PDB file of N, CA and C in Angstrom:
ATOM      1  N   UNK A   1       0.898  -1.391  -0.149  1.00  0.00           N
ATOM      2  CA  UNK A   1       0.037   0.126   0.169  1.00  0.00           C
ATOM      3  C   UNK A   1       0.765   1.209   0.145  1.00  0.00           C
ATOM      4  N   UNK A   2       2.042   1.362   0.671  1.00  0.00           N
ATOM      5  CA  UNK A   2       2.676   2.449   0.973  1.00  0.00           C
ATOM      6  C   UNK A   2       3.672   2.481  -0.644  1.00  0.00           C
ATOM      7  N   UNK A   3       4.101   1.571  -1.112  1.00  0.00           N
ATOM      8  CA  UNK A   3       4.603   1.929  -2.471  1.00  0.00           C
ATOM      9  C   UNK A   3       3.649   2.178  -3.539  1.00  0.00           C
ATOM     10  N   UNK A   4       2.435   1.835  -3.054  1.00  0.00           N
ATOM     11  CA  UNK A   4       1.315   2.634  -4.737  1.00  0.00           C
ATOM     12  C   UNK A   4       1.211   3.802  -4.384  1.00  0.00           C
ATOM     13  N   UNK A   5       1.121   4.681  -3.340  1.00  0.00           N
ATOM     14  CA  UNK A   5       1.183   6.103  -2.956  1.00  0.00           C
ATOM     15  C   UNK A   5       2.136   6.353  -3.679  1.00  0.00           C
ATOM     16  N   UNK A   6       3.458   6.140  -3.141  1.00  0.00           N
ATOM     17  CA  UNK A   6       4.339   6.800  -4.115  1.00  0.00           C
ATOM     18  C   UNK A   6       4.444   6.714  -5.657  1.00  0.00           C
ATOM     19  N   UNK A   7       4.261   5.574  -5.767  1.00  0.00           N
ATOM     20  CA  UNK A   7       4.474   5.603  -7.471  1.00  0.00           C
ATOM     21  C   UNK A   7       3.462   6.248  -8.444  1.00  0.00           C
ATOM     22  N   UNK A   8       2.133   5.998  -7.804  1.00  0.00           N
ATOM     23  CA  UNK A   8       1.011   6.784  -8.769  1.00  0.00           C
ATOM     24  C   UNK A   8       1.211   8.428  -8.732  1.00  0.00           C
ATOM     25  N   UNK A   9       1.891   8.989  -7.920  1.00  0.00           N
ATOM     26  CA  UNK A   9       2.167  10.533  -8.502  1.00  0.00           C
ATOM     27  C   UNK A   9       3.051  10.401  -9.425  1.00  0.00           C
ATOM     28  N   UNK A  10       4.103   9.892  -9.342  1.00  0.00           N
ATOM     29  CA  UNK A  10       5.062   9.711 -10.392  1.00  0.00           C
ATOM     30  C   UNK A  10       4.741   9.321 -11.673  1.00  0.00           C
ATOM     31  N   UNK A  11       4.231   8.341 -11.690  1.00  0.00           N
ATOM     32  CA  UNK A  11       3.296   7.882 -13.036  1.00  0.00           C
ATOM     33  C   UNK A  11       2.602   9.261 -13.772  1.00  0.00           C
ATOM     34  N   UNK A  12       1.810   9.783 -12.658  1.00  0.00           N
ATOM     35  CA  UNK A  12       1.056  10.579 -13.419  1.00  0.00           C
ATOM     36  C   UNK A  12       1.985  11.838 -13.447  1.00  0.00           C
ATOM     37  N   UNK A  13       3.171  12.066 -12.922  1.00  0.00           N
ATOM     38  CA  UNK A  13       3.954  13.267 -13.598  1.00  0.00           C
ATOM     39  C   UNK A  13       4.632  12.720 -14.557  1.00  0.00           C
ATOM     40  N   UNK A  14       4.881  12.071 -14.887  1.00  0.00           N
ATOM     41  CA  UNK A  14       5.568  11.066 -16.094  1.00  0.00           C
ATOM     42  C   UNK A  14       4.670  11.422 -17.464  1.00  0.00           C
ATOM     43  N   UNK A  15       3.104  10.827 -17.270  1.00  0.00           N
ATOM     44  CA  UNK A  15       1.990  11.096 -18.217  1.00  0.00           C
ATOM     45  C   UNK A  15       1.843  12.436 -18.710  1.00  0.00           C
ATOM     46  N   UNK A  16       1.996  13.123 -17.429  1.00  0.00           N
ATOM     47  CA  UNK A  16       1.840  14.974 -17.599  1.00  0.00           C
ATOM     48  C   UNK A  16       2.831  15.572 -18.533  1.00  0.00           C
ATOM     49  N   UNK A  17       3.887  15.049 -18.008  1.00  0.00           N
ATOM     50  CA  UNK A  17       5.473  15.511 -19.087  1.00  0.00           C
ATOM     51  C   UNK A  17       5.121  15.031 -20.511  1.00  0.00           C
ATOM     52  N   UNK A  18       4.778  13.960 -20.774  1.00  0.00           N
ATOM     53  CA  UNK A  18       4.519  13.180 -22.157  1.00  0.00           C
ATOM     54  C   UNK A  18       3.695  13.857 -22.713  1.00  0.00           C
ATOM     55  N   UNK A  19       2.709  14.228 -22.322  1.00  0.00           N
ATOM     56  CA  UNK A  19       1.383  14.668 -23.145  1.00  0.00           C
ATOM     57  C   UNK A  19       1.524  16.581 -23.450  1.00  0.00           C
ATOM     58  N   UNK A  20       2.816  16.864 -22.459  1.00  0.00           N
ATOM     59  CA  UNK A  20       3.100  18.393 -22.900  1.00  0.00           C
ATOM     60  C   UNK A  20       3.943  18.316 -24.023  1.00  0.00           C
ATOM     61  N   UNK A  21       4.772  17.483 -23.996  1.00  0.00           N
ATOM     62  CA  UNK A  21       5.841  17.319 -25.186  1.00  0.00           C
ATOM     63  C   UNK A  21       4.994  16.827 -26.403  1.00  0.00           C
ATOM     64  N   UNK A  22       4.124  16.146 -26.324  1.00  0.00           N
ATOM     65  CA  UNK A  22       3.746  16.026 -27.786  1.00  0.00           C
ATOM     66  C   UNK A  22       2.714  16.903 -28.087  1.00  0.00           C
ATOM     67  N   UNK A  23       1.972  17.705 -27.261  1.00  0.00           N
ATOM     68  CA  UNK A  23       1.345  18.893 -27.668  1.00  0.00           C
ATOM     69  C   UNK A  23       2.088  19.927 -28.116  1.00  0.00           C
ATOM     70  N   UNK A  24       3.437  20.471 -27.616  1.00  0.00           N
ATOM     71  CA  UNK A  24       4.531  20.831 -27.829  1.00  0.00           C
ATOM     72  C   UNK A  24       4.828  20.648 -29.452  1.00  0.00           C
ATOM     73  N   UNK A  25       4.926  19.454 -29.573  1.00  0.00           N
ATOM     74  CA  UNK A  25       5.527  19.082 -31.114  1.00  0.00           C
ATOM     75  C   UNK A  25       4.508  19.154 -32.147  1.00  0.00           C
ATOM     76  N   UNK A  26       3.176  19.064 -31.689  1.00  0.00           N
ATOM     77  CA  UNK A  26       1.852  19.326 -32.297  1.00  0.00           C
ATOM     78  C   UNK A  26       1.779  20.793 -33.023  1.00  0.00           C
ATOM     79  N   UNK A  27       1.950  21.586 -32.246  1.00  0.00           N
ATOM     80  CA  UNK A  27       1.921  22.879 -32.236  1.00  0.00           C
ATOM     81  C   UNK A  27       3.160  23.573 -33.397  1.00  0.00           C
ATOM     82  N   UNK A  28       4.336  22.970 -33.295  1.00  0.00           N
ATOM     83  CA  UNK A  28       5.347  23.264 -33.860  1.00  0.00           C
ATOM     84  C   UNK A  28       5.115  22.986 -35.477  1.00  0.00           C
ATOM     85  N   UNK A  29       4.407  21.944 -35.700  1.00  0.00           N
ATOM     86  CA  UNK A  29       4.124  21.066 -37.239  1.00  0.00           C
ATOM     87  C   UNK A  29       2.803  22.582 -37.719  1.00  0.00           C
ATOM     88  N   UNK A  30       2.032  23.073 -36.636  1.00  0.00           N
ATOM     89  CA  UNK A  30       0.650  24.047 -37.263  1.00  0.00           C
ATOM     90  C   UNK A  30       1.598  25.230 -37.596  1.00  0.00           C
ATOM     91  N   UNK A  31       2.762  25.869 -37.097  1.00  0.00           N
ATOM     92  CA  UNK A  31       3.182  27.022 -37.242  1.00  0.00           C
ATOM     93  C   UNK A  31       4.329  26.749 -38.177  1.00  0.00           C
ATOM     94  N   UNK A  32       4.480  26.321 -39.230  1.00  0.00           N
ATOM     95  CA  UNK A  32       5.306  25.849 -40.346  1.00  0.00           C
ATOM     96  C   UNK A  32       4.693  26.244 -41.839  1.00  0.00           C
ATOM     97  N   UNK A  33       5.338  26.755 -42.436  1.00  0.00           N
ATOM     98  CA  UNK A  33       4.837  27.198 -43.603  1.00  0.00           C
ATOM     99  C   UNK A  33       5.755  26.865 -44.940  1.00  0.00           C
ATOM    100  N   UNK A  34       5.391  26.098 -45.857  1.00  0.00           N
ATOM    101  CA  UNK A  34       6.113  25.964 -47.035  1.00  0.00           C
ATOM    102  C   UNK A  34       5.708  26.954 -48.166  1.00  0.00           C
ATOM    103  N   UNK A  35       6.745  27.915 -48.855  1.00  0.00           N
ATOM    104  CA  UNK A  35       6.599  29.086 -49.307  1.00  0.00           C
ATOM    105  C   UNK A  35       7.215  28.332 -50.292  1.00  0.00           C
ATOM    106  N   UNK A  36       6.463  28.272 -51.844  1.00  0.00           N
ATOM    107  CA  UNK A  36       6.808  27.840 -53.126  1.00  0.00           C
ATOM    108  C   UNK A  36       7.646  29.353 -53.778  1.00  0.00           C
ATOM    109  N   UNK A  37       8.400  29.122 -55.013  1.00  0.00           N
ATOM    110  CA  UNK A  37       9.298  30.180 -55.449  1.00  0.00           C
ATOM    111  C   UNK A  37       8.064  30.799 -56.372  1.00  0.00           C
ATOM    112  N   UNK A  38       7.445  32.186 -56.259  1.00  0.00           N
ATOM    113  CA  UNK A  38       6.778  32.828 -56.916  1.00  0.00           C
ATOM    114  C   UNK A  38       5.409  33.236 -55.994  1.00  0.00           C
ATOM    115  N   UNK A  39       5.320  32.765 -55.250  1.00  0.00           N
ATOM    116  CA  UNK A  39       3.806  32.820 -54.073  1.00  0.00           C
ATOM    117  C   UNK A  39       4.081  34.222 -53.910  1.00  0.00           C
ATOM    118  N   UNK A  40       2.442  34.572 -54.028  1.00  0.00           N
ATOM    119  CA  UNK A  40       2.230  35.993 -54.016  1.00  0.00           C
ATOM    120  C   UNK A  40       1.548  36.425 -52.532  1.00  0.00           C
ATOM    121  N   UNK A  41       1.636  35.561 -51.560  1.00  0.00           N
ATOM    122  CA  UNK A  41       0.720  35.531 -50.437  1.00  0.00           C
ATOM    123  C   UNK A  41       1.647  36.182 -49.412  1.00  0.00           C
ATOM    124  N   UNK A  42       1.257  36.201 -48.151  1.00  0.00           N
ATOM    125  CA  UNK A  42       1.996  36.809 -47.122  1.00  0.00           C
ATOM    126  C   UNK A  42       2.164  35.989 -46.087  1.00  0.00           C
ATOM    127  N   UNK A  43       2.789  36.401 -44.781  1.00  0.00           N
ATOM    128  CA  UNK A  43       3.031  35.428 -43.837  1.00  0.00           C
ATOM    129  C   UNK A  43       2.914  36.310 -42.585  1.00  0.00           C
ATOM    130  N   UNK A  44       2.543  35.816 -41.219  1.00  0.00           N
ATOM    131  CA  UNK A  44       2.375  36.388 -40.037  1.00  0.00           C
ATOM    132  C   UNK A  44       3.187  35.459 -39.134  1.00  0.00           C
ATOM    133  N   UNK A  45       4.240  36.304 -38.528  1.00  0.00           N
ATOM    134  CA  UNK A  45       4.807  35.089 -37.574  1.00  0.00           C
ATOM    135  C   UNK A  45       4.281  35.164 -36.506  1.00  0.00           C
ATOM    136  N   UNK A  46       4.231  33.644 -35.462  1.00  0.00           N
ATOM    137  CA  UNK A  46       3.545  33.901 -34.287  1.00  0.00           C
ATOM    138  C   UNK A  46       4.665  33.984 -32.747  1.00  0.00           C
ATOM    139  N   UNK A  47       5.725  34.205 -33.756  1.00  0.00           N
ATOM    140  CA  UNK A  47       6.911  34.088 -32.268  1.00  0.00           C
ATOM    141  C   UNK A  47       7.638  35.283 -33.084  1.00  0.00           C
ATOM    142  N   UNK A  48       8.689  35.713 -32.075  1.00  0.00           N
ATOM    143  CA  UNK A  48       9.542  36.965 -32.555  1.00  0.00           C
ATOM    144  C   UNK A  48      10.401  36.399 -33.516  1.00  0.00           C
ATOM    145  N   UNK A  49      10.980  35.192 -33.064  1.00  0.00           N
ATOM    146  CA  UNK A  49      12.158  34.501 -33.995  1.00  0.00           C
ATOM    147  C   UNK A  49      11.558  33.343 -34.768  1.00  0.00           C
ATOM    148  N   UNK A  50      11.953  33.556 -36.074  1.00  0.00           N
ATOM    149  CA  UNK A  50      11.608  32.975 -37.375  1.00  0.00           C
ATOM    150  C   UNK A  50      12.863  32.239 -37.821  1.00  0.00           C
ATOM    151  N   UNK A  51      12.627  30.857 -37.927  1.00  0.00           N
ATOM    152  CA  UNK A  51      13.335  29.846 -38.431  1.00  0.00           C
ATOM    153  C   UNK A  51      13.082  29.776 -39.997  1.00  0.00           C
ATOM    154  N   UNK A  52      14.141  29.813 -40.917  1.00  0.00           N
ATOM    155  CA  UNK A  52      14.010  29.712 -42.462  1.00  0.00           C
ATOM    156  C   UNK A  52      14.931  28.845 -43.068  1.00  0.00           C
ATOM    157  N   UNK A  53      14.142  28.098 -43.759  1.00  0.00           N
ATOM    158  CA  UNK A  53      15.242  26.942 -44.517  1.00  0.00           C
ATOM    159  C   UNK A  53      14.917  27.163 -45.983  1.00  0.00           C
ATOM    160  N   UNK A  54      15.331  26.851 -46.750  1.00  0.00           N
ATOM    161  CA  UNK A  54      15.243  26.721 -48.220  1.00  0.00           C
ATOM    162  C   UNK A  54      16.178  25.416 -49.350  1.00  0.00           C
ATOM    163  N   UNK A  55      15.577  25.515 -50.619  1.00  0.00           N
ATOM    164  CA  UNK A  55      15.761  24.462 -51.357  1.00  0.00           C
ATOM    165  C   UNK A  55      17.316  24.675 -52.159  1.00  0.00           C
ATOM    166  N   UNK A  56      17.280  26.421 -52.165  1.00  0.00           N
ATOM    167  CA  UNK A  56      18.454  26.611 -53.155  1.00  0.00           C
ATOM    168  C   UNK A  56      19.188  27.947 -52.392  1.00  0.00           C
ATOM    169  N   UNK A  57      20.159  28.072 -52.629  1.00  0.00           N
ATOM    170  CA  UNK A  57      21.056  29.144 -52.572  1.00  0.00           C
ATOM    171  C   UNK A  57      20.162  30.610 -52.561  1.00  0.00           C
ATOM    172  N   UNK A  58      20.554  31.199 -51.564  1.00  0.00           N
ATOM    173  CA  UNK A  58      19.696  32.547 -51.413  1.00  0.00           C
ATOM    174  C   UNK A  58      19.725  33.457 -50.362  1.00  0.00           C
ATOM    175  N   UNK A  59      19.034  34.719 -50.624  1.00  0.00           N
ATOM    176  CA  UNK A  59      18.897  35.569 -49.264  1.00  0.00           C
ATOM    177  C   UNK A  59      17.591  36.089 -49.315  1.00  0.00           C
ATOM    178  N   UNK A  60      17.086  36.058 -48.402  1.00  0.00           N
ATOM    179  CA  UNK A  60      15.490  36.310 -47.850  1.00  0.00           C
ATOM    180  C   UNK A  60      15.434  37.356 -47.348  1.00  0.00           C
ATOM    181  N   UNK A  61      14.380  38.074 -47.937  1.00  0.00           N
ATOM    182  CA  UNK A  61      13.785  39.514 -47.802  1.00  0.00           C
ATOM    183  C   UNK A  61      12.451  39.411 -47.173  1.00  0.00           C
ATOM    184  N   UNK A  62      12.124  40.189 -46.065  1.00  0.00           N
ATOM    185  CA  UNK A  62      10.776  39.838 -45.656  1.00  0.00           C
ATOM    186  C   UNK A  62      10.365  41.484 -45.479  1.00  0.00           C
ATOM    187  N   UNK A  63       9.438  41.626 -46.314  1.00  0.00           N
ATOM    188  CA  UNK A  63       8.746  43.213 -46.286  1.00  0.00           C
ATOM    189  C   UNK A  63       7.679  43.426 -45.310  1.00  0.00           C
ATOM    190  N   UNK A  64       7.567  44.172 -44.431  1.00  0.00           N
ATOM    191  CA  UNK A  64       6.537  44.580 -43.568  1.00  0.00           C
ATOM    192  C   UNK A  64       5.288  45.241 -44.503  1.00  0.00           C
ATOM    193  N   UNK A  65       4.009  44.854 -44.423  1.00  0.00           N
ATOM    194  CA  UNK A  65       3.165  45.286 -45.534  1.00  0.00           C
ATOM    195  C   UNK A  65       2.752  46.674 -45.042  1.00  0.00           C
ATOM    196  N   UNK A  66       2.773  46.764 -43.521  1.00  0.00           N
ATOM    197  CA  UNK A  66       1.990  48.043 -43.001  1.00  0.00           C
ATOM    198  C   UNK A  66       2.857  49.305 -43.616  1.00  0.00           C
ATOM    199  N   UNK A  67       4.334  49.352 -43.547  1.00  0.00           N
ATOM    200  CA  UNK A  67       5.212  50.521 -43.686  1.00  0.00           C
ATOM    201  C   UNK A  67       6.318  50.370 -44.416  1.00  0.00           C
ATOM    202  N   UNK A  68       6.622  49.170 -45.080  1.00  0.00           N
ATOM    203  CA  UNK A  68       7.412  48.915 -46.337  1.00  0.00           C
ATOM    204  C   UNK A  68       8.515  48.487 -45.755  1.00  0.00           C
ATOM    205  N   UNK A  69       8.563  48.321 -44.522  1.00  0.00           N
ATOM    206  CA  UNK A  69       9.942  48.380 -43.784  1.00  0.00           C
ATOM    207  C   UNK A  69      10.531  46.938 -44.352  1.00  0.00           C
ATOM    208  N   UNK A  70      11.976  46.688 -44.569  1.00  0.00           N
ATOM    209  CA  UNK A  70      12.995  45.249 -45.083  1.00  0.00           C
ATOM    210  C   UNK A  70      13.236  44.879 -43.991  1.00  0.00           C
ATOM    211  N   UNK A  71      13.383  43.563 -43.866  1.00  0.00           N
ATOM    212  CA  UNK A  71      14.142  42.865 -42.599  1.00  0.00           C
ATOM    213  C   UNK A  71      15.380  41.565 -43.803  1.00  0.00           C
ATOM    214  N   UNK A  72      16.277  41.665 -43.995  1.00  0.00           N
ATOM    215  CA  UNK A  72      17.200  40.889 -44.606  1.00  0.00           C
ATOM    216  C   UNK A  72      17.703  39.516 -44.193  1.00  0.00           C
ATOM    217  N   UNK A  73      17.567  38.404 -44.285  1.00  0.00           N
ATOM    218  CA  UNK A  73      18.205  37.228 -43.671  1.00  0.00           C
ATOM    219  C   UNK A  73      19.039  36.848 -44.653  1.00  0.00           C
ATOM    220  N   UNK A  74      20.169  37.067 -44.350  1.00  0.00           N
ATOM    221  CA  UNK A  74      21.610  37.238 -45.107  1.00  0.00           C
ATOM    222  C   UNK A  74      21.437  35.655 -46.332  1.00  0.00           C
ATOM    223  N   UNK A  75      22.052  35.056 -46.167  1.00  0.00           N
ATOM    224  CA  UNK A  75      22.504  33.990 -47.008  1.00  0.00           C
ATOM    225  C   UNK A  75      22.397  32.711 -46.630  1.00  0.00           C
ATOM    226  N   UNK A  76      21.366  31.586 -46.704  1.00  0.00           N
ATOM    227  CA  UNK A  76      20.878  30.634 -46.769  1.00  0.00           C
ATOM    228  C   UNK A  76      21.475  29.499 -47.680  1.00  0.00           C
ATOM    229  N   UNK A  77      21.509  28.247 -47.578  1.00  0.00           N
ATOM    230  CA  UNK A  77      21.936  27.134 -48.496  1.00  0.00           C
ATOM    231  C   UNK A  77      21.221  26.274 -48.263  1.00  0.00           C
ATOM    232  N   UNK A  78      20.793  25.030 -48.995  1.00  0.00           N
ATOM    233  CA  UNK A  78      19.975  24.034 -48.685  1.00  0.00           C
ATOM    234  C   UNK A  78      20.566  23.182 -47.582  1.00  0.00           C
ATOM    235  N   UNK A  79      20.056  22.723 -46.576  1.00  0.00           N
ATOM    236  CA  UNK A  79      20.393  22.027 -45.258  1.00  0.00           C
ATOM    237  C   UNK A  79      20.783  22.860 -44.283  1.00  0.00           C
ATOM    238  N   UNK A  80      20.791  24.420 -44.276  1.00  0.00           N
ATOM    239  CA  UNK A  80      21.193  25.385 -43.505  1.00  0.00           C
ATOM    240  C   UNK A  80      20.274  25.810 -43.242  1.00  0.00           C
ATOM    241  N   UNK A  81      19.708  26.283 -41.881  1.00  0.00           N
ATOM    242  CA  UNK A  81      18.638  27.297 -41.403  1.00  0.00           C
ATOM    243  C   UNK A  81      18.988  28.672 -41.027  1.00  0.00           C
ATOM    244  N   UNK A  82      18.407  29.686 -41.292  1.00  0.00           N
ATOM    245  CA  UNK A  82      18.807  30.639 -40.779  1.00  0.00           C
ATOM    246  C   UNK A  82      17.504  31.613 -39.868  1.00  0.00           C
ATOM    247  N   UNK A  83      18.141  32.297 -38.998  1.00  0.00           N
ATOM    248  CA  UNK A  83      17.040  32.725 -38.082  1.00  0.00           C
ATOM    249  C   UNK A  83      17.081  34.310 -38.130  1.00  0.00           C
ATOM    250  N   UNK A  84      15.860  34.817 -37.866  1.00  0.00           N
ATOM    251  CA  UNK A  84      15.646  36.366 -38.052  1.00  0.00           C
ATOM    252  C   UNK A  84      14.410  36.641 -37.152  1.00  0.00           C
ATOM    253  N   UNK A  85      14.774  38.164 -36.695  1.00  0.00           N
ATOM    254  CA  UNK A  85      13.681  38.461 -35.605  1.00  0.00           C
ATOM    255  C   UNK A  85      12.850  39.481 -36.352  1.00  0.00           C
ATOM    256  N   UNK A  86      11.578  39.293 -36.355  1.00  0.00           N
ATOM    257  CA  UNK A  86      10.044  39.985 -37.059  1.00  0.00           C
ATOM    258  C   UNK A  86       9.470  40.387 -35.849  1.00  0.00           C
ATOM    259  N   UNK A  87       8.536  41.218 -36.088  1.00  0.00           N
ATOM    260  CA  UNK A  87       7.500  41.445 -35.212  1.00  0.00           C
ATOM    261  C   UNK A  87       6.188  40.603 -35.000  1.00  0.00           C
ATOM    262  N   UNK A  88       5.712  40.040 -34.060  1.00  0.00           N
ATOM    263  CA  UNK A  88       5.179  39.043 -34.301  1.00  0.00           C
ATOM    264  C   UNK A  88       3.261  39.681 -34.534  1.00  0.00           C
ATOM    265  N   UNK A  89       2.767  39.058 -35.542  1.00  0.00           N
ATOM    266  CA  UNK A  89       1.171  39.415 -35.327  1.00  0.00           C
ATOM    267  C   UNK A  89       1.350  40.598 -36.658  1.00  0.00           C
ATOM    268  N   UNK A  90       2.253  41.085 -37.120  1.00  0.00           N
ATOM    269  CA  UNK A  90       2.757  41.812 -38.590  1.00  0.00           C
ATOM    270  C   UNK A  90       2.368  40.995 -39.678  1.00  0.00           C
ATOM    271  N   UNK A  91       1.886  41.386 -40.608  1.00  0.00           N
ATOM    272  CA  UNK A  91       1.799  40.643 -41.884  1.00  0.00           C
ATOM    273  C   UNK A  91       3.540  41.108 -42.961  1.00  0.00           C
ATOM    274  N   UNK A  92       4.010  40.232 -43.489  1.00  0.00           N
ATOM    275  CA  UNK A  92       5.090  40.247 -44.049  1.00  0.00           C
ATOM    276  C   UNK A  92       5.070  39.388 -45.600  1.00  0.00           C
ATOM    277  N   UNK A  93       5.252  40.070 -46.679  1.00  0.00           N
ATOM    278  CA  UNK A  93       5.762  39.255 -47.871  1.00  0.00           C
ATOM    279  C   UNK A  93       7.264  38.818 -48.049  1.00  0.00           C
ATOM    280  N   UNK A  94       7.189  37.723 -48.420  1.00  0.00           N
ATOM    281  CA  UNK A  94       8.564  36.799 -48.316  1.00  0.00           C
ATOM    282  C   UNK A  94       9.222  36.882 -49.926  1.00  0.00           C
ATOM    283  N   UNK A  95      10.325  36.845 -50.117  1.00  0.00           N
ATOM    284  CA  UNK A  95      11.103  36.602 -51.217  1.00  0.00           C
ATOM    285  C   UNK A  95      11.989  36.203 -50.974  1.00  0.00           C
ATOM    286  N   UNK A  96      12.501  35.086 -51.938  1.00  0.00           N
ATOM    287  CA  UNK A  96      13.873  34.215 -52.023  1.00  0.00           C
ATOM    288  C   UNK A  96      13.532  33.244 -53.261  1.00  0.00           C
ATOM    289  N   UNK A  97      14.629  32.479 -53.649  1.00  0.00           N
ATOM    290  CA  UNK A  97      14.807  31.670 -54.397  1.00  0.00           C
ATOM    291  C   UNK A  97      14.432  30.215 -53.817  1.00  0.00           C
ATOM    292  N   UNK A  98      13.730  29.382 -54.618  1.00  0.00           N
ATOM    293  CA  UNK A  98      13.320  28.219 -54.252  1.00  0.00           C
ATOM    294  C   UNK A  98      12.089  28.039 -53.311  1.00  0.00           C
ATOM    295  N   UNK A  99      12.034  26.887 -52.885  1.00  0.00           N
ATOM    296  CA  UNK A  99      10.969  26.571 -51.557  1.00  0.00           C
ATOM    297  C   UNK A  99      11.628  27.296 -50.299  1.00  0.00           C
ATOM    298  N   UNK A 100      10.885  27.832 -49.629  1.00  0.00           N
ATOM    299  CA  UNK A 100      11.375  28.283 -48.249  1.00  0.00           C
ATOM    300  C   UNK A 100      10.360  27.823 -47.354  1.00  0.00           C
ATOM    301  N   UNK A 101      10.880  27.003 -46.305  1.00  0.00           N
ATOM    302  CA  UNK A 101      10.314  26.433 -44.812  1.00  0.00           C
ATOM    303  C   UNK A 101      10.506  27.455 -43.962  1.00  0.00           C
ATOM    304  N   UNK A 102       9.347  28.011 -43.258  1.00  0.00           N
ATOM    305  CA  UNK A 102       9.272  28.981 -42.248  1.00  0.00           C
ATOM    306  C   UNK A 102       8.903  28.483 -41.014  1.00  0.00           C
ATOM    307  N   UNK A 103       9.258  28.128 -39.991  1.00  0.00           N
ATOM    308  CA  UNK A 103       9.244  28.148 -38.548  1.00  0.00           C
ATOM    309  C   UNK A 103       8.535  28.910 -37.817  1.00  0.00           C
ATOM    310  N   UNK A 104       7.701  28.785 -37.187  1.00  0.00           N
ATOM    311  CA  UNK A 104       6.955  29.913 -36.097  1.00  0.00           C
ATOM    312  C   UNK A 104       6.282  31.100 -36.702  1.00  0.00           C
ATOM    313  N   UNK A 105       5.506  30.725 -38.032  1.00  0.00           N
ATOM    314  CA  UNK A 105       4.685  31.591 -39.290  1.00  0.00           C
ATOM    315  C   UNK A 105       3.761  31.028 -39.310  1.00  0.00           C
ATOM    316  N   UNK A 106       2.738  31.808 -39.847  1.00  0.00           N
ATOM    317  CA  UNK A 106       1.139  31.151 -40.543  1.00  0.00           C
ATOM    318  C   UNK A 106       1.156  31.661 -41.898  1.00  0.00           C
ATOM    319  N   UNK A 107       0.361  31.245 -42.593  1.00  0.00           N
ATOM    320  CA  UNK A 107       0.262  31.939 -43.925  1.00  0.00           C
ATOM    321  C   UNK A 107      -0.748  32.431 -43.814  1.00  0.00           C
ATOM    322  N   UNK A 108      -0.927  33.756 -44.433  1.00  0.00           N
ATOM    323  CA  UNK A 108      -2.102  34.639 -44.477  1.00  0.00           C
ATOM    324  C   UNK A 108      -2.682  34.488 -46.060  1.00  0.00           C
ATOM    325  N   UNK A 109      -4.072  33.884 -46.140  1.00  0.00           N
ATOM    326  CA  UNK A 109      -4.599  33.713 -47.407  1.00  0.00           C
ATOM    327  C   UNK A 109      -4.445  35.106 -48.462  1.00  0.00           C
ATOM    328  N   UNK A 110      -4.493  34.489 -49.607  1.00  0.00           N
ATOM    329  CA  UNK A 110      -5.048  35.818 -50.263  1.00  0.00           C
ATOM    330  C   UNK A 110      -6.229  36.102 -50.951  1.00  0.00           C
ATOM    331  N   UNK A 111      -6.734  37.465 -51.578  1.00  0.00           N
ATOM    332  CA  UNK A 111      -8.099  37.118 -51.761  1.00  0.00           C
ATOM    333  C   UNK A 111      -8.782  36.273 -52.458  1.00  0.00           C
ATOM    334  N   UNK A 112      -7.862  35.540 -53.280  1.00  0.00           N
ATOM    335  CA  UNK A 112      -8.312  34.603 -54.160  1.00  0.00           C
ATOM    336  C   UNK A 112      -8.672  33.360 -53.359  1.00  0.00           C
ATOM    337  N   UNK A 113      -7.932  33.135 -52.508  1.00  0.00           N
ATOM    338  CA  UNK A 113      -8.210  32.028 -51.702  1.00  0.00           C
ATOM    339  C   UNK A 113      -9.438  32.202 -50.743  1.00  0.00           C
ATOM    340  N   UNK A 114      -9.431  33.286 -50.422  1.00  0.00           N
ATOM    341  CA  UNK A 114     -10.444  33.705 -49.379  1.00  0.00           C
ATOM    342  C   UNK A 114     -12.031  33.890 -49.825  1.00  0.00           C
ATOM    343  N   UNK A 115     -11.868  34.029 -51.557  1.00  0.00           N
ATOM    344  CA  UNK A 115     -12.677  33.791 -52.297  1.00  0.00           C
ATOM    345  C   UNK A 115     -13.397  32.227 -52.916  1.00  0.00           C
ATOM    346  N   UNK A 116     -12.398  31.230 -52.421  1.00  0.00           N
ATOM    347  CA  UNK A 116     -12.203  30.176 -53.293  1.00  0.00           C
ATOM    348  C   UNK A 116     -12.118  29.483 -54.329  1.00  0.00           C
ATOM    349  N   UNK A 117     -11.036  30.774 -54.980  1.00  0.00           N
ATOM    350  CA  UNK A 117     -10.494  30.624 -56.274  1.00  0.00           C
ATOM    351  C   UNK A 117      -9.417  29.869 -56.212  1.00  0.00           C
ATOM    352  N   UNK A 118      -8.870  29.608 -55.091  1.00  0.00           N
ATOM    353  CA  UNK A 118      -7.476  29.114 -55.384  1.00  0.00           C
ATOM    354  C   UNK A 118      -7.013  27.973 -54.342  1.00  0.00           C
TER     355      UNK A 118
END
């Protein structure tokens, strides 16, 4: 009886930690956007720090839609990620070559996507 009282809280703690880790992994995937070259939409960062990876050698330019201010993420190559700080909640246009993968952002639907045209 004494062992059960000690073991039960430990098992409950392990289960709670496991559920938190699984939830965090699911949220990370929900905030990942893949942008093909020539994409005309915009993104909205959900965190201040954005991680960017690409399929080609490229520089990546983020242009804030509200005022046109630009932020440059130097040069990235395939297999390498870069990190940039942006204002969470603001909308940005993204320019770069190849397919870009952004972690920590959501895509903003274009007017055509909102209307059901794309």
